[in-house]
PDB file of N, CA and C in Angstrom:
ATOM      1  N   UNK A   1       0.840  -1.262  -0.395  1.00  0.00           N
ATOM      2  CA  UNK A   1       0.484  -0.440  -0.031  1.00  0.00           C
ATOM      3  C   UNK A   1       1.029   1.389  -0.257  1.00  0.00           C
ATOM      4  N   UNK A   2       0.336   2.228  -0.715  1.00  0.00           N
ATOM      5  CA  UNK A   2       0.731   3.060  -1.180  1.00  0.00           C
ATOM      6  C   UNK A   2       0.054   4.384  -0.124  1.00  0.00           C
ATOM      7  N   UNK A   3       0.808   5.464   0.753  1.00  0.00           N
ATOM      8  CA  UNK A   3       0.025   6.038   0.943  1.00  0.00           C
ATOM      9  C   UNK A   3       0.351   7.694  -0.311  1.00  0.00           C
ATOM     10  N   UNK A   4      -0.770   8.549   0.342  1.00  0.00           N
ATOM     11  CA  UNK A   4      -0.724  10.091  -0.747  1.00  0.00           C
ATOM     12  C   UNK A   4       0.566  10.744  -0.154  1.00  0.00           C
ATOM     13  N   UNK A   5       0.933  11.027   0.898  1.00  0.00           N
ATOM     14  CA  UNK A   5       1.892  11.435   0.953  1.00  0.00           C
ATOM     15  C   UNK A   5       3.492  10.628   0.974  1.00  0.00           C
ATOM     16  N   UNK A   6       3.693   9.143   0.807  1.00  0.00           N
ATOM     17  CA  UNK A   6       4.608   8.705  -0.321  1.00  0.00           C
ATOM     18  C   UNK A   6       3.874   9.432  -1.259  1.00  0.00           C
ATOM     19  N   UNK A   7       3.039   8.891  -1.900  1.00  0.00           N
ATOM     20  CA  UNK A   7       3.064   9.701  -3.764  1.00  0.00           C
ATOM     21  C   UNK A   7       3.928  10.598  -4.254  1.00  0.00           C
ATOM     22  N   UNK A   8       2.883  11.987  -2.684  1.00  0.00           N
ATOM     23  CA  UNK A   8       3.345  13.300  -3.592  1.00  0.00           C
ATOM     24  C   UNK A   8       4.760  13.625  -2.486  1.00  0.00           C
ATOM     25  N   UNK A   9       5.201  12.364  -1.965  1.00  0.00           N
ATOM     26  CA  UNK A   9       6.775  12.512  -2.397  1.00  0.00           C
ATOM     27  C   UNK A   9       7.773  12.248  -3.347  1.00  0.00           C
ATOM     28  N   UNK A  10       7.583  11.326  -3.768  1.00  0.00           N
ATOM     29  CA  UNK A  10       8.179  10.851  -5.335  1.00  0.00           C
ATOM     30  C   UNK A  10       7.915  12.025  -6.490  1.00  0.00           C
ATOM     31  N   UNK A  11       6.942  12.238  -6.524  1.00  0.00           N
ATOM     32  CA  UNK A  11       6.184  13.302  -7.272  1.00  0.00           C
ATOM     33  C   UNK A  11       7.234  14.708  -6.877  1.00  0.00           C
ATOM     34  N   UNK A  12       7.275  15.257  -5.953  1.00  0.00           N
ATOM     35  CA  UNK A  12       7.866  16.870  -5.772  1.00  0.00           C
ATOM     36  C   UNK A  12       9.734  16.483  -5.366  1.00  0.00           C
ATOM     37  N   UNK A  13       9.512  14.934  -6.264  1.00  0.00           N
ATOM     38  CA  UNK A  13      12.075  14.877  -6.068  1.00  0.00           C
ATOM     39  C   UNK A  13      12.143  15.291  -6.902  1.00  0.00           C
ATOM     40  N   UNK A  14      10.926  14.764  -8.112  1.00  0.00           N
ATOM     41  CA  UNK A  14      11.443  15.199  -9.231  1.00  0.00           C
ATOM     42  C   UNK A  14      12.136  17.114  -9.565  1.00  0.00           C
ATOM     43  N   UNK A  15      13.225  17.121 -10.676  1.00  0.00           N
ATOM     44  CA  UNK A  15      12.893  18.430 -10.625  1.00  0.00           C
ATOM     45  C   UNK A  15      12.425  19.832 -11.192  1.00  0.00           C
ATOM     46  N   UNK A  16      12.636  20.366 -10.126  1.00  0.00           N
ATOM     47  CA  UNK A  16      11.454  21.515 -10.514  1.00  0.00           C
ATOM     48  C   UNK A  16       9.862  21.188 -10.001  1.00  0.00           C
ATOM     49  N   UNK A  17       8.926  20.369  -9.305  1.00  0.00           N
ATOM     50  CA  UNK A  17       7.799  19.398  -9.715  1.00  0.00           C
ATOM     51  C   UNK A  17       7.937  20.939  -8.266  1.00  0.00           C
ATOM     52  N   UNK A  18       5.977  21.188  -8.054  1.00  0.00           N
ATOM     53  CA  UNK A  18       6.032  21.584  -7.296  1.00  0.00           C
ATOM     54  C   UNK A  18       4.340  21.651  -6.771  1.00  0.00           C
ATOM     55  N   UNK A  19       3.590  21.564  -5.939  1.00  0.00           N
ATOM     56  CA  UNK A  19       2.674  20.846  -5.409  1.00  0.00           C
ATOM     57  C   UNK A  19       1.428  22.363  -5.157  1.00  0.00           C
ATOM     58  N   UNK A  20       0.856  22.072  -5.893  1.00  0.00           N
ATOM     59  CA  UNK A  20      -0.277  23.479  -6.029  1.00  0.00           C
ATOM     60  C   UNK A  20      -1.999  23.325  -5.740  1.00  0.00           C
ATOM     61  N   UNK A  21      -3.052  24.027  -4.767  1.00  0.00           N
ATOM     62  CA  UNK A  21      -3.891  23.707  -4.116  1.00  0.00           C
ATOM     63  C   UNK A  21      -4.597  23.435  -5.431  1.00  0.00           C
ATOM     64  N   UNK A  22      -6.284  23.264  -6.025  1.00  0.00           N
ATOM     65  CA  UNK A  22      -6.445  22.997  -7.179  1.00  0.00           C
ATOM     66  C   UNK A  22      -8.113  22.102  -6.958  1.00  0.00           C
ATOM     67  N   UNK A  23      -9.008  23.063  -7.206  1.00  0.00           N
ATOM     68  CA  UNK A  23     -10.472  23.181  -6.524  1.00  0.00           C
ATOM     69  C   UNK A  23     -10.280  21.643  -5.135  1.00  0.00           C
ATOM     70  N   UNK A  24     -10.544  20.682  -4.839  1.00  0.00           N
ATOM     71  CA  UNK A  24     -10.983  20.294  -4.000  1.00  0.00           C
ATOM     72  C   UNK A  24      -9.178  18.990  -3.938  1.00  0.00           C
ATOM     73  N   UNK A  25      -8.633  19.497  -4.983  1.00  0.00           N
ATOM     74  CA  UNK A  25      -7.001  18.207  -5.054  1.00  0.00           C
ATOM     75  C   UNK A  25      -6.147  18.890  -4.611  1.00  0.00           C
ATOM     76  N   UNK A  26      -5.213  18.100  -4.475  1.00  0.00           N
ATOM     77  CA  UNK A  26      -3.275  18.953  -5.407  1.00  0.00           C
ATOM     78  C   UNK A  26      -3.460  18.523  -5.923  1.00  0.00           C
ATOM     79  N   UNK A  27      -2.903  19.113  -6.962  1.00  0.00           N
ATOM     80  CA  UNK A  27      -1.932  19.241  -8.490  1.00  0.00           C
ATOM     81  C   UNK A  27      -0.299  19.318  -7.976  1.00  0.00           C
ATOM     82  N   UNK A  28       0.275  17.897  -9.325  1.00  0.00           N
ATOM     83  CA  UNK A  28       1.673  18.474  -8.960  1.00  0.00           C
ATOM     84  C   UNK A  28       2.191  18.802  -9.893  1.00  0.00           C
ATOM     85  N   UNK A  29       2.796  19.749 -10.232  1.00  0.00           N
ATOM     86  CA  UNK A  29       2.972  20.189 -11.533  1.00  0.00           C
ATOM     87  C   UNK A  29       4.792  20.430 -12.118  1.00  0.00           C
ATOM     88  N   UNK A  30       4.513  20.939 -12.996  1.00  0.00           N
ATOM     89  CA  UNK A  30       6.185  21.403 -13.429  1.00  0.00           C
ATOM     90  C   UNK A  30       5.529  22.768 -14.085  1.00  0.00           C
ATOM     91  N   UNK A  31       6.716  23.598 -14.015  1.00  0.00           N
ATOM     92  CA  UNK A  31       6.650  25.171 -14.779  1.00  0.00           C
ATOM     93  C   UNK A  31       5.007  25.342 -14.948  1.00  0.00           C
ATOM     94  N   UNK A  32       3.692  25.100 -13.861  1.00  0.00           N
ATOM     95  CA  UNK A  32       2.835  25.318 -14.403  1.00  0.00           C
ATOM     96  C   UNK A  32       1.668  23.889 -14.342  1.00  0.00           C
ATOM     97  N   UNK A  33       2.356  23.220 -15.091  1.00  0.00           N
ATOM     98  CA  UNK A  33       1.693  22.288 -15.507  1.00  0.00           C
ATOM     99  C   UNK A  33       0.991  20.770 -15.107  1.00  0.00           C
ATOM    100  N   UNK A  34       0.593  20.296 -14.953  1.00  0.00           N
ATOM    101  CA  UNK A  34      -0.028  19.571 -14.120  1.00  0.00           C
ATOM    102  C   UNK A  34       0.677  17.345 -15.079  1.00  0.00           C
ATOM    103  N   UNK A  35       1.361  17.207 -13.967  1.00  0.00           N
ATOM    104  CA  UNK A  35       1.550  15.863 -14.131  1.00  0.00           C
ATOM    105  C   UNK A  35       0.444  14.626 -13.194  1.00  0.00           C
ATOM    106  N   UNK A  36       0.966  15.232 -12.203  1.00  0.00           N
ATOM    107  CA  UNK A  36      -0.770  14.271 -11.283  1.00  0.00           C
ATOM    108  C   UNK A  36      -0.957  15.008 -10.254  1.00  0.00           C
ATOM    109  N   UNK A  37      -2.104  14.227  -9.899  1.00  0.00           N
ATOM    110  CA  UNK A  37      -3.024  14.915  -8.530  1.00  0.00           C
ATOM    111  C   UNK A  37      -4.212  13.911  -7.695  1.00  0.00           C
ATOM    112  N   UNK A  38      -4.128  14.145  -6.867  1.00  0.00           N
ATOM    113  CA  UNK A  38      -4.849  13.510  -5.519  1.00  0.00           C
ATOM    114  C   UNK A  38      -5.562  14.477  -4.713  1.00  0.00           C
ATOM    115  N   UNK A  39      -6.299  13.479  -4.052  1.00  0.00           N
ATOM    116  CA  UNK A  39      -6.419  14.902  -3.037  1.00  0.00           C
ATOM    117  C   UNK A  39      -6.125  13.835  -1.255  1.00  0.00           C
ATOM    118  N   UNK A  40      -4.983  14.068  -0.606  1.00  0.00           N
ATOM    119  CA  UNK A  40      -4.463  13.698   0.516  1.00  0.00           C
ATOM    120  C   UNK A  40      -5.625  12.538   1.412  1.00  0.00           C
ATOM    121  N   UNK A  41      -6.058  11.579   2.023  1.00  0.00           N
ATOM    122  CA  UNK A  41      -6.453  11.088   2.645  1.00  0.00           C
ATOM    123  C   UNK A  41      -7.308   9.753   1.025  1.00  0.00           C
ATOM    124  N   UNK A  42      -7.409  10.472   0.004  1.00  0.00           N
ATOM    125  CA  UNK A  42      -8.214   9.462  -0.330  1.00  0.00           C
ATOM    126  C   UNK A  42      -7.241   8.669  -1.402  1.00  0.00           C
ATOM    127  N   UNK A  43      -9.126   7.922  -1.751  1.00  0.00           N
ATOM    128  CA  UNK A  43      -8.536   6.402  -2.298  1.00  0.00           C
ATOM    129  C   UNK A  43      -7.547   5.633  -3.692  1.00  0.00           C
ATOM    130  N   UNK A  44      -7.529   6.820  -3.755  1.00  0.00           N
ATOM    131  CA  UNK A  44      -6.699   6.873  -5.947  1.00  0.00           C
ATOM    132  C   UNK A  44      -5.631   8.236  -5.516  1.00  0.00           C
ATOM    133  N   UNK A  45      -5.032   7.937  -6.659  1.00  0.00           N
ATOM    134  CA  UNK A  45      -4.505   9.056  -7.464  1.00  0.00           C
ATOM    135  C   UNK A  45      -4.402   9.208  -8.975  1.00  0.00           C
ATOM    136  N   UNK A  46      -3.923  10.776  -9.817  1.00  0.00           N
ATOM    137  CA  UNK A  46      -4.516  10.670 -11.217  1.00  0.00           C
ATOM    138  C   UNK A  46      -2.728  10.475 -11.724  1.00  0.00           C
ATOM    139  N   UNK A  47      -2.442   9.932 -12.767  1.00  0.00           N
ATOM    140  CA  UNK A  47      -0.916  10.758 -13.463  1.00  0.00           C
ATOM    141  C   UNK A  47      -1.081  10.648 -15.119  1.00  0.00           C
ATOM    142  N   UNK A  48      -0.556  11.712 -15.427  1.00  0.00           N
ATOM    143  CA  UNK A  48      -0.448  11.799 -16.778  1.00  0.00           C
ATOM    144  C   UNK A  48       0.073  11.244 -17.914  1.00  0.00           C
ATOM    145  N   UNK A  49      -1.096   9.710 -18.434  1.00  0.00           N
ATOM    146  CA  UNK A  49      -0.086   8.782 -19.295  1.00  0.00           C
ATOM    147  C   UNK A  49      -0.610   9.005 -20.745  1.00  0.00           C
ATOM    148  N   UNK A  50       0.240   8.247 -21.830  1.00  0.00           N
ATOM    149  CA  UNK A  50      -0.743   8.409 -23.138  1.00  0.00           C
ATOM    150  C   UNK A  50      -1.919   7.442 -23.040  1.00  0.00           C
ATOM    151  N   UNK A  51      -2.157   7.251 -23.652  1.00  0.00           N
ATOM    152  CA  UNK A  51      -4.034   6.665 -23.973  1.00  0.00           C
ATOM    153  C   UNK A  51      -3.074   5.303 -24.502  1.00  0.00           C
ATOM    154  N   UNK A  52      -1.834   4.676 -25.083  1.00  0.00           N
ATOM    155  CA  UNK A  52      -1.360   3.714 -25.515  1.00  0.00           C
ATOM    156  C   UNK A  52      -1.660   3.374 -24.065  1.00  0.00           C
ATOM    157  N   UNK A  53      -0.701   3.413 -23.208  1.00  0.00           N
ATOM    158  CA  UNK A  53      -0.569   3.180 -21.606  1.00  0.00           C
ATOM    159  C   UNK A  53      -1.329   3.086 -20.872  1.00  0.00           C
ATOM    160  N   UNK A  54      -2.555   3.935 -20.898  1.00  0.00           N
ATOM    161  CA  UNK A  54      -3.376   3.829 -19.776  1.00  0.00           C
ATOM    162  C   UNK A  54      -4.102   2.355 -20.483  1.00  0.00           C
ATOM    163  N   UNK A  55      -4.194   1.961 -21.561  1.00  0.00           N
ATOM    164  CA  UNK A  55      -5.013   0.811 -22.144  1.00  0.00           C
ATOM    165  C   UNK A  55      -4.041  -0.524 -21.710  1.00  0.00           C
ATOM    166  N   UNK A  56      -3.071  -0.287 -21.417  1.00  0.00           N
ATOM    167  CA  UNK A  56      -2.535  -1.104 -21.333  1.00  0.00           C
ATOM    168  C   UNK A  56      -2.774  -1.472 -19.605  1.00  0.00           C
ATOM    169  N   UNK A  57      -2.451  -0.474 -19.090  1.00  0.00           N
ATOM    170  CA  UNK A  57      -2.610  -0.268 -17.526  1.00  0.00           C
ATOM    171  C   UNK A  57      -3.588  -0.981 -17.530  1.00  0.00           C
ATOM    172  N   UNK A  58      -4.890  -0.572 -18.522  1.00  0.00           N
ATOM    173  CA  UNK A  58      -6.014  -0.680 -17.600  1.00  0.00           C
ATOM    174  C   UNK A  58      -6.941  -2.399 -18.073  1.00  0.00           C
ATOM    175  N   UNK A  59      -5.715  -2.464 -19.278  1.00  0.00           N
ATOM    176  CA  UNK A  59      -6.035  -4.270 -19.372  1.00  0.00           C
ATOM    177  C   UNK A  59      -5.194  -5.002 -18.375  1.00  0.00           C
ATOM    178  N   UNK A  60      -4.075  -5.109 -18.016  1.00  0.00           N
ATOM    179  CA  UNK A  60      -3.005  -5.539 -16.836  1.00  0.00           C
ATOM    180  C   UNK A  60      -3.389  -6.223 -15.840  1.00  0.00           C
ATOM    181  N   UNK A  61      -4.316  -4.931 -15.077  1.00  0.00           N
ATOM    182  CA  UNK A  61      -4.390  -4.739 -14.066  1.00  0.00           C
ATOM    183  C   UNK A  61      -6.589  -3.321 -13.792  1.00  0.00           C
ATOM    184  N   UNK A  62      -7.293  -3.891 -14.028  1.00  0.00           N
ATOM    185  CA  UNK A  62      -8.408  -3.380 -13.646  1.00  0.00           C
ATOM    186  C   UNK A  62      -9.191  -3.270 -12.263  1.00  0.00           C
ATOM    187  N   UNK A  63      -7.876  -3.766 -11.730  1.00  0.00           N
ATOM    188  CA  UNK A  63      -8.613  -3.179 -10.351  1.00  0.00           C
ATOM    189  C   UNK A  63      -7.744  -2.368  -9.804  1.00  0.00           C
ATOM    190  N   UNK A  64      -6.654  -1.930 -10.672  1.00  0.00           N
ATOM    191  CA  UNK A  64      -5.723  -1.334  -9.700  1.00  0.00           C
ATOM    192  C   UNK A  64      -5.781   0.112 -10.688  1.00  0.00           C
ATOM    193  N   UNK A  65      -5.666   0.291 -12.353  1.00  0.00           N
ATOM    194  CA  UNK A  65      -6.040   1.450 -13.041  1.00  0.00           C
ATOM    195  C   UNK A  65      -6.962   1.570 -13.232  1.00  0.00           C
ATOM    196  N   UNK A  66      -7.645   2.733 -13.345  1.00  0.00           N
ATOM    197  CA  UNK A  66      -8.904   3.001 -14.853  1.00  0.00           C
ATOM    198  C   UNK A  66      -8.806   4.672 -15.080  1.00  0.00           C
ATOM    199  N   UNK A  67      -9.449   4.524 -15.858  1.00  0.00           N
ATOM    200  CA  UNK A  67      -9.418   6.202 -16.498  1.00  0.00           C
ATOM    201  C   UNK A  67      -9.731   7.029 -15.637  1.00  0.00           C
ATOM    202  N   UNK A  68      -8.679   8.206 -15.636  1.00  0.00           N
ATOM    203  CA  UNK A  68      -9.219   8.975 -14.791  1.00  0.00           C
ATOM    204  C   UNK A  68     -10.786   9.492 -15.199  1.00  0.00           C
ATOM    205  N   UNK A  69     -11.561   9.807 -13.705  1.00  0.00           N
ATOM    206  CA  UNK A  69     -12.182  11.120 -14.320  1.00  0.00           C
ATOM    207  C   UNK A  69     -11.384  12.539 -15.154  1.00  0.00           C
ATOM    208  N   UNK A  70     -12.720  12.875 -15.671  1.00  0.00           N
ATOM    209  CA  UNK A  70     -12.308  14.177 -16.427  1.00  0.00           C
ATOM    210  C   UNK A  70     -11.279  14.274 -17.776  1.00  0.00           C
ATOM    211  N   UNK A  71     -10.599  13.314 -17.210  1.00  0.00           N
ATOM    212  CA  UNK A  71      -9.523  13.869 -18.288  1.00  0.00           C
ATOM    213  C   UNK A  71      -8.398  12.257 -19.016  1.00  0.00           C
ATOM    214  N   UNK A  72      -9.126  11.346 -18.730  1.00  0.00           N
ATOM    215  CA  UNK A  72      -9.073   9.673 -18.996  1.00  0.00           C
ATOM    216  C   UNK A  72      -8.770   9.719 -20.210  1.00  0.00           C
ATOM    217  N   UNK A  73      -9.900  10.857 -21.186  1.00  0.00           N
ATOM    218  CA  UNK A  73     -10.079  10.787 -22.347  1.00  0.00           C
ATOM    219  C   UNK A  73      -8.254  11.239 -23.006  1.00  0.00           C
ATOM    220  N   UNK A  74      -8.078  11.623 -22.667  1.00  0.00           N
ATOM    221  CA  UNK A  74      -6.548  12.251 -22.883  1.00  0.00           C
ATOM    222  C   UNK A  74      -5.580  11.681 -22.626  1.00  0.00           C
ATOM    223  N   UNK A  75      -5.735  10.046 -21.820  1.00  0.00           N
ATOM    224  CA  UNK A  75      -5.041   9.249 -21.486  1.00  0.00           C
ATOM    225  C   UNK A  75      -4.670   8.473 -20.151  1.00  0.00           C
ATOM    226  N   UNK A  76      -4.935  10.218 -19.154  1.00  0.00           N
ATOM    227  CA  UNK A  76      -4.610   9.741 -17.558  1.00  0.00           C
ATOM    228  C   UNK A  76      -4.885   8.712 -17.353  1.00  0.00           C
ATOM    229  N   UNK A  77      -4.018   8.263 -16.080  1.00  0.00           N
ATOM    230  CA  UNK A  77      -4.879   7.131 -15.091  1.00  0.00           C
ATOM    231  C   UNK A  77      -4.763   6.844 -13.520  1.00  0.00           C
ATOM    232  N   UNK A  78      -6.585   6.650 -13.403  1.00  0.00           N
ATOM    233  CA  UNK A  78      -6.408   6.459 -12.429  1.00  0.00           C
ATOM    234  C   UNK A  78      -5.284   5.816 -11.290  1.00  0.00           C
ATOM    235  N   UNK A  79      -5.057   5.573 -10.316  1.00  0.00           N
ATOM    236  CA  UNK A  79      -4.274   4.141  -9.948  1.00  0.00           C
ATOM    237  C   UNK A  79      -4.939   4.400  -8.388  1.00  0.00           C
ATOM    238  N   UNK A  80      -4.857   3.066  -7.855  1.00  0.00           N
ATOM    239  CA  UNK A  80      -5.818   2.734  -6.222  1.00  0.00           C
ATOM    240  C   UNK A  80      -4.512   2.617  -6.062  1.00  0.00           C
ATOM    241  N   UNK A  81      -4.236   3.352  -4.098  1.00  0.00           N
ATOM    242  CA  UNK A  81      -3.507   3.896  -3.723  1.00  0.00           C
ATOM    243  C   UNK A  81      -2.924   2.037  -3.453  1.00  0.00           C
ATOM    244  N   UNK A  82      -4.080   2.302  -2.812  1.00  0.00           N
ATOM    245  CA  UNK A  82      -3.818   0.362  -1.905  1.00  0.00           C
ATOM    246  C   UNK A  82      -3.747  -1.240  -2.530  1.00  0.00           C
ATOM    247  N   UNK A  83      -3.979  -0.827  -3.979  1.00  0.00           N
ATOM    248  CA  UNK A  83      -3.254  -2.126  -3.899  1.00  0.00           C
ATOM    249  C   UNK A  83      -2.316  -2.034  -5.709  1.00  0.00           C
ATOM    250  N   UNK A  84      -1.863  -0.737  -6.078  1.00  0.00           N
ATOM    251  CA  UNK A  84      -0.461  -0.399  -6.514  1.00  0.00           C
ATOM    252  C   UNK A  84       0.674  -0.975  -6.041  1.00  0.00           C
ATOM    253  N   UNK A  85       1.940  -1.536  -7.239  1.00  0.00           N
ATOM    254  CA  UNK A  85       3.207  -1.583  -6.929  1.00  0.00           C
ATOM    255  C   UNK A  85       3.614  -0.547  -5.934  1.00  0.00           C
ATOM    256  N   UNK A  86       4.214   0.164  -5.075  1.00  0.00           N
ATOM    257  CA  UNK A  86       5.154   1.605  -5.201  1.00  0.00           C
ATOM    258  C   UNK A  86       5.958   1.636  -6.046  1.00  0.00           C
ATOM    259  N   UNK A  87       6.814   0.301  -6.136  1.00  0.00           N
ATOM    260  CA  UNK A  87       7.965   0.533  -7.171  1.00  0.00           C
ATOM    261  C   UNK A  87       7.506   1.066  -9.013  1.00  0.00           C
ATOM    262  N   UNK A  88       6.138   0.256  -9.122  1.00  0.00           N
ATOM    263  CA  UNK A  88       5.342   0.614 -10.792  1.00  0.00           C
ATOM    264  C   UNK A  88       4.672   2.365 -10.212  1.00  0.00           C
ATOM    265  N   UNK A  89       4.180   2.731  -9.548  1.00  0.00           N
ATOM    266  CA  UNK A  89       3.471   4.169  -8.922  1.00  0.00           C
ATOM    267  C   UNK A  89       4.996   4.729  -9.354  1.00  0.00           C
ATOM    268  N   UNK A  90       6.432   4.774  -8.347  1.00  0.00           N
ATOM    269  CA  UNK A  90       7.857   5.573  -8.606  1.00  0.00           C
ATOM    270  C   UNK A  90       7.239   5.920 -10.588  1.00  0.00           C
ATOM    271  N   UNK A  91       7.466   5.055 -11.280  1.00  0.00           N
ATOM    272  CA  UNK A  91       7.917   4.756 -12.520  1.00  0.00           C
ATOM    273  C   UNK A  91       6.826   5.663 -12.818  1.00  0.00           C
ATOM    274  N   UNK A  92       5.353   5.198 -13.317  1.00  0.00           N
ATOM    275  CA  UNK A  92       4.422   6.370 -13.358  1.00  0.00           C
ATOM    276  C   UNK A  92       4.643   7.334 -13.432  1.00  0.00           C
ATOM    277  N   UNK A  93       4.982   7.724 -12.075  1.00  0.00           N
ATOM    278  CA  UNK A  93       5.034   9.348 -11.719  1.00  0.00           C
ATOM    279  C   UNK A  93       6.039   9.551 -12.487  1.00  0.00           C
ATOM    280  N   UNK A  94       7.501   8.768 -12.559  1.00  0.00           N
ATOM    281  CA  UNK A  94       8.821   9.941 -13.277  1.00  0.00           C
ATOM    282  C   UNK A  94       7.947   9.682 -14.638  1.00  0.00           C
ATOM    283  N   UNK A  95       7.605   9.240 -15.094  1.00  0.00           N
ATOM    284  CA  UNK A  95       7.130   8.679 -16.675  1.00  0.00           C
ATOM    285  C   UNK A  95       5.782   9.707 -17.017  1.00  0.00           C
ATOM    286  N   UNK A  96       5.274  10.332 -16.021  1.00  0.00           N
ATOM    287  CA  UNK A  96       3.856  11.457 -16.151  1.00  0.00           C
ATOM    288  C   UNK A  96       4.797  12.952 -16.317  1.00  0.00           C
ATOM    289  N   UNK A  97       5.687  12.641 -15.178  1.00  0.00           N
ATOM    290  CA  UNK A  97       7.495  14.050 -15.435  1.00  0.00           C
ATOM    291  C   UNK A  97       7.578  13.985 -15.897  1.00  0.00           C
ATOM    292  N   UNK A  98       8.191  12.960 -17.202  1.00  0.00           N
ATOM    293  CA  UNK A  98       8.370  13.274 -18.449  1.00  0.00           C
ATOM    294  C   UNK A  98       7.884  14.054 -19.550  1.00  0.00           C
ATOM    295  N   UNK A  99       7.119  13.284 -19.385  1.00  0.00           N
ATOM    296  CA  UNK A  99       5.690  13.365 -20.593  1.00  0.00           C
ATOM    297  C   UNK A  99       5.314  15.851 -20.356  1.00  0.00           C
ATOM    298  N   UNK A 100       5.238  15.665 -19.221  1.00  0.00           N
ATOM    299  CA  UNK A 100       5.110  17.016 -19.029  1.00  0.00           C
ATOM    300  C   UNK A 100       6.442  18.595 -18.523  1.00  0.00           C
ATOM    301  N   UNK A 101       7.378  18.033 -18.658  1.00  0.00           N
ATOM    302  CA  UNK A 101       8.609  18.712 -18.122  1.00  0.00           C
ATOM    303  C   UNK A 101       9.130  19.176 -19.667  1.00  0.00           C
ATOM    304  N   UNK A 102       9.855  20.650 -19.857  1.00  0.00           N
ATOM    305  CA  UNK A 102      10.278  20.644 -20.786  1.00  0.00           C
ATOM    306  C   UNK A 102      11.977  19.658 -21.445  1.00  0.00           C
ATOM    307  N   UNK A 103      12.006  19.612 -22.644  1.00  0.00           N
ATOM    308  CA  UNK A 103      12.707  18.697 -22.762  1.00  0.00           C
ATOM    309  C   UNK A 103      14.141  18.148 -22.462  1.00  0.00           C
ATOM    310  N   UNK A 104      15.154  19.890 -22.477  1.00  0.00           N
ATOM    311  CA  UNK A 104      15.839  19.935 -22.000  1.00  0.00           C
ATOM    312  C   UNK A 104      15.944  19.331 -20.575  1.00  0.00           C
ATOM    313  N   UNK A 105      15.226  18.894 -19.806  1.00  0.00           N
ATOM    314  CA  UNK A 105      15.132  18.954 -18.809  1.00  0.00           C
ATOM    315  C   UNK A 105      15.034  17.902 -18.429  1.00  0.00           C
ATOM    316  N   UNK A 106      14.182  17.402 -19.576  1.00  0.00           N
ATOM    317  CA  UNK A 106      14.646  15.373 -19.493  1.00  0.00           C
ATOM    318  C   UNK A 106      15.099  14.981 -19.381  1.00  0.00           C
ATOM    319  N   UNK A 107      16.258  16.006 -20.635  1.00  0.00           N
ATOM    320  CA  UNK A 107      17.676  15.067 -21.193  1.00  0.00           C
ATOM    321  C   UNK A 107      18.558  15.442 -20.146  1.00  0.00           C
ATOM    322  N   UNK A 108      18.431  16.343 -18.988  1.00  0.00           N
ATOM    323  CA  UNK A 108      19.397  16.919 -18.029  1.00  0.00           C
ATOM    324  C   UNK A 108      19.545  15.160 -17.046  1.00  0.00           C
ATOM    325  N   UNK A 109      17.878  15.453 -16.640  1.00  0.00           N
ATOM    326  CA  UNK A 109      17.556  14.361 -16.155  1.00  0.00           C
ATOM    327  C   UNK A 109      18.642  13.258 -16.089  1.00  0.00           C
ATOM    328  N   UNK A 110      18.007  12.518 -16.465  1.00  0.00           N
ATOM    329  CA  UNK A 110      18.473  11.307 -17.865  1.00  0.00           C
ATOM    330  C   UNK A 110      19.684  10.862 -17.380  1.00  0.00           C
ATOM    331  N   UNK A 111      20.968  12.893 -17.562  1.00  0.00           N
ATOM    332  CA  UNK A 111      22.228  12.016 -18.170  1.00  0.00           C
ATOM    333  C   UNK A 111      23.091  11.811 -16.576  1.00  0.00           C
ATOM    334  N   UNK A 112      21.074  12.863 -15.561  1.00  0.00           N
ATOM    335  CA  UNK A 112      21.856  12.233 -14.151  1.00  0.00           C
ATOM    336  C   UNK A 112      21.874  11.207 -13.575  1.00  0.00           C
ATOM    337  N   UNK A 113      20.622  10.292 -14.446  1.00  0.00           N
ATOM    338  CA  UNK A 113      19.918   9.374 -13.867  1.00  0.00           C
ATOM    339  C   UNK A 113      20.683   8.340 -13.983  1.00  0.00           C
ATOM    340  N   UNK A 114      21.774   8.384 -14.762  1.00  0.00           N
ATOM    341  CA  UNK A 114      22.398   7.602 -15.978  1.00  0.00           C
ATOM    342  C   UNK A 114      23.422   7.440 -15.245  1.00  0.00           C
ATOM    343  N   UNK A 115      23.837   6.037 -14.472  1.00  0.00           N
ATOM    344  CA  UNK A 115      25.237   5.684 -13.756  1.00  0.00           C
ATOM    345  C   UNK A 115      26.393   5.852 -14.702  1.00  0.00           C
ATOM    346  N   UNK A 116      27.919   6.651 -14.513  1.00  0.00           N
ATOM    347  CA  UNK A 116      28.618   6.099 -14.972  1.00  0.00           C
ATOM    348  C   UNK A 116      29.088   7.001 -16.217  1.00  0.00           C
ATOM    349  N   UNK A 117      27.867   8.270 -16.380  1.00  0.00           N
ATOM    350  CA  UNK A 117      27.660   9.581 -17.327  1.00  0.00           C
ATOM    351  C   UNK A 117      28.721  10.592 -17.047  1.00  0.00           C
TER     352      UNK A 117
END
């Protein structure tokens, strides 16, 4: 099980990630653009994904993943915190950040994350 606080910590550890309250949820952003969101105490969070990735996740584990309300038609995925594997959630959050961050920032992140470079 992953808590909302753990989810938020994963997202905020990424370069220039920031939290901003919007509506009744917390949005996680990079330079003003949302890449993940959820409500403290909520059962699920949403992350930005491609429609193809969304389809794969929903087909593989429909009890864990679903189409996110309002933004699901754009590929966003809702993730059940009580059922998701923590490592998989981290990968999804990092990928959501990568989809949203400027390309140069992603390249710099990749260089720092690759050992021996």
